[in-house]
Amino acid sequence: MRLLLVSDTHLPKRAKELPAPLLAEIPRADVVLHAGDWVDTATLDLLEGRSRRLVGVYGNNDGPALRARLPEVARADLGGLRFGVVHETGSAQGRERRCAARFPDLDVLVFGHSHIPWDTTADTGLRLLNPGSPTDRRRQPHCTCMTAEVTGGLLAEVALHRLPRR
């Protein structure tokens, strides 16, 4: 099972459209996970229309229209792994411990908000993944997204992808 992880698209405030390499990856993914801060409903409509399956949440920059269509926390069983998606997890310091306590029933937590790519594992085995942002790199060297494979109930081949600057 191929996954595409994305967050903090911030359209149309940070960019007018999603980068072409990200759009090209959508049909290759069995599931697209979006960790919030869509900003506009058109991006949600686009991903819903192009994705085989979309698991998404709203973020702090998402207004009433997006909050009416998306949960704050989403959960999905994907290939035998228990995934969660949430926008904010708080500060980097203590993140693994905090998230493991908040989500003891998950194997993988996808999150956003910081625009900083993140890939760590808590002492409990919870894998934490932040794909960064495809449109707003902030102080990061590149705009990014992630892909991953779930094979035999294991998360494999997690890759961070650099996207072109907008």
Protein backbone atom coordinates (compact mmCIF):
# COMPACT_ATOMS: atom_id res chain seq x y z
CA MET A 1 0.00 0.00 0.00
CA ARG A 2 1.49 3.32 -1.11
CA LEU A 3 0.85 6.43 1.00
CA LEU A 4 1.25 10.12 0.22
CA LEU A 5 1.65 12.37 3.27
CA VAL A 6 1.06 16.10 2.96
CA SER A 7 0.27 18.99 5.27
CA ASP A 8 0.06 22.77 5.40
CA THR A 9 -0.91 23.39 1.79
CA HIS A 10 -2.13 26.93 2.63
CA LEU A 11 -3.76 27.56 -0.76
CA PRO A 12 -4.16 30.14 -2.15
CA LYS A 13 -2.29 32.19 0.45
CA ARG A 14 1.19 30.62 0.15
CA ALA A 15 0.90 29.44 -3.45
CA LYS A 16 -1.67 29.53 -6.22
CA GLU A 17 -1.56 25.78 -6.82
CA LEU A 18 0.01 22.58 -5.59
CA PRO A 19 3.40 21.68 -7.12
CA ALA A 20 3.21 19.46 -10.21
CA PRO A 21 5.31 16.63 -8.67
CA LEU A 22 2.87 16.43 -5.75
CA LEU A 23 -0.14 16.35 -8.07
CA ALA A 24 1.55 13.61 -10.11
CA GLU A 25 2.01 11.52 -6.96
CA ILE A 26 -1.69 11.55 -5.99
CA PRO A 27 -2.87 8.88 -8.48
CA ARG A 28 0.07 6.64 -7.52
CA ALA A 29 -1.04 6.63 -3.86
CA ASP A 30 -3.54 4.19 -2.44
CA VAL A 31 -4.19 6.67 0.38
CA VAL A 32 -3.45 10.39 0.75
CA LEU A 33 -3.10 11.65 4.32
CA HIS A 34 -3.38 15.43 4.84
CA ALA A 35 -2.55 16.88 8.27
CA GLY A 36 -4.44 20.16 8.01
CA ASP A 37 -4.09 23.83 7.13
CA TRP A 38 -5.73 23.46 3.75
CA VAL A 39 -7.05 27.04 4.02
CA ASP A 40 -9.48 26.68 1.10
CA THR A 41 -12.14 24.09 0.30
CA ALA A 42 -11.00 23.93 -3.33
CA THR A 43 -7.86 22.03 -2.25
CA LEU A 44 -9.97 19.56 -0.28
CA ASP A 45 -12.26 19.13 -3.31
CA LEU A 46 -9.23 18.59 -5.57
CA LEU A 47 -7.70 15.91 -3.33
CA GLU A 48 -11.04 14.20 -2.77
CA GLY A 49 -11.56 14.09 -6.53
CA ARG A 50 -8.11 12.75 -7.40
CA SER A 51 -7.40 10.43 -4.46
CA ARG A 52 -8.43 6.80 -4.22
CA ARG A 53 -8.85 7.45 -0.50
CA LEU A 54 -8.27 10.62 1.49
CA VAL A 55 -7.75 10.82 5.24
CA GLY A 56 -7.57 14.43 6.40
CA VAL A 57 -8.04 16.77 9.33
CA TYR A 58 -8.48 20.49 9.78
CA GLY A 59 -5.74 22.77 11.06
CA ASN A 60 -5.61 26.03 12.98
CA ASN A 61 -5.83 28.09 9.76
CA ASP A 62 -8.91 26.26 8.49
CA GLY A 63 -12.24 28.05 8.79
CA PRO A 64 -15.80 26.87 9.39
CA ALA A 65 -16.33 25.38 5.91
CA LEU A 66 -13.36 23.02 6.28
CA ARG A 67 -14.10 22.26 9.92
CA ALA A 68 -17.60 21.21 8.90
CA ARG A 69 -16.15 18.61 6.52
CA LEU A 70 -13.06 17.39 8.42
CA PRO A 71 -12.37 16.10 11.94
CA GLU A 72 -9.72 17.42 14.32
CA VAL A 73 -8.26 13.90 14.60
CA ALA A 74 -8.66 11.13 12.02
CA ARG A 75 -7.87 7.43 12.41
CA ALA A 76 -7.51 4.73 9.79
CA ASP A 77 -6.37 1.13 9.66
CA LEU A 78 -4.04 0.97 6.65
CA GLY A 79 -2.43 -2.31 5.73
CA GLY A 80 -2.63 -3.59 9.29
CA LEU A 81 -1.19 -0.44 10.89
CA ARG A 82 -3.20 1.98 13.02
CA PHE A 83 -2.69 5.49 11.66
CA GLY A 84 -3.73 8.77 13.19
CA VAL A 85 -3.68 12.22 11.63
CA VAL A 86 -3.70 15.47 13.61
CA HIS A 87 -2.53 18.98 12.84
CA GLU A 88 -0.80 20.17 16.00
CA THR A 89 1.32 18.21 18.49
CA GLY A 90 2.90 21.07 20.45
CA SER A 91 6.57 21.91 20.79
CA ALA A 92 9.32 19.63 19.51
CA GLN A 93 10.68 19.11 23.01
CA GLY A 94 8.91 16.12 24.54
CA ARG A 95 6.82 15.47 21.41
CA GLU A 96 7.40 11.70 21.34
CA ARG A 97 6.44 11.23 24.99
CA ARG A 98 3.43 13.54 24.73
CA CYS A 99 2.07 11.93 21.54
CA ALA A 100 2.64 8.39 22.83
CA ALA A 101 0.57 9.26 25.92
CA ARG A 102 -2.18 10.95 23.88
CA PHE A 103 -2.36 8.25 21.19
CA PRO A 104 -1.50 4.91 22.88
CA ASP A 105 -3.62 2.99 20.36
CA LEU A 106 -1.70 4.15 17.23
CA ASP A 107 1.27 2.78 15.33
CA VAL A 108 1.86 5.91 13.21
CA LEU A 109 0.90 9.54 13.79
CA VAL A 110 1.01 11.98 10.87
CA PHE A 111 1.03 15.64 11.91
CA GLY A 112 1.75 19.11 10.55
CA HIS A 113 1.68 22.73 11.73
CA SER A 114 5.42 23.44 12.00
CA HIS A 115 6.24 23.01 8.27
CA ILE A 116 9.34 21.16 9.53
CA PRO A 117 9.78 17.58 8.29
CA TRP A 118 9.94 15.11 11.16
CA ASP A 119 10.50 11.37 11.42
CA THR A 120 11.06 9.88 14.86
CA THR A 121 9.87 6.95 16.93
CA ALA A 122 8.69 7.17 20.53
CA ASP A 123 9.86 4.67 23.16
CA THR A 124 6.46 2.97 22.82
CA GLY A 125 7.07 2.34 19.10
CA LEU A 126 4.77 5.13 17.88
CA ARG A 127 6.22 6.53 14.64
CA LEU A 128 5.77 10.28 14.23
CA LEU A 129 5.84 11.76 10.72
CA ASN A 130 5.53 15.37 9.58
CA PRO A 131 5.78 15.81 5.79
CA GLY A 132 6.54 19.54 6.01
CA SER A 133 4.76 21.81 3.55
CA PRO A 134 4.61 21.61 -0.25
CA THR A 135 3.98 25.35 -0.60
CA ASP A 136 5.52 27.20 2.37
CA ARG A 137 9.01 26.15 3.39
CA ARG A 138 9.33 28.89 6.02
CA ARG A 139 12.91 28.53 7.28
CA GLN A 140 13.39 25.09 5.74
CA PRO A 141 15.62 24.69 2.69
CA HIS A 142 12.86 23.07 0.59
CA CYS A 143 9.13 22.59 0.27
CA THR A 144 8.40 18.91 0.96
CA CYS A 145 5.99 15.99 1.12
CA MET A 146 6.47 12.33 2.10
CA THR A 147 5.67 8.95 0.65
CA ALA A 148 5.67 5.61 2.44
CA GLU A 149 4.85 1.97 1.81
CA VAL A 150 2.93 -0.35 4.10
CA THR A 151 3.91 -3.95 3.43
CA GLY A 152 3.03 -6.95 5.57
CA GLY A 153 1.83 -4.74 8.41
CA LEU A 154 5.10 -2.77 8.48
CA LEU A 155 5.83 0.83 7.54
CA ALA A 156 8.67 0.87 5.02
CA GLU A 157 10.38 3.15 2.57
CA VAL A 158 9.41 6.42 4.22
CA ALA A 159 10.84 9.09 1.94
CA LEU A 160 10.94 12.86 2.16
CA HIS A 161 10.61 14.52 -1.25
CA ARG A 162 11.89 17.98 -2.15
CA LEU A 163 9.44 19.99 -4.20
CA PRO A 164 10.17 22.97 -6.43
CA ARG A 165 9.95 26.43 -4.92
CA ARG A 166 6.84 28.34 -5.80
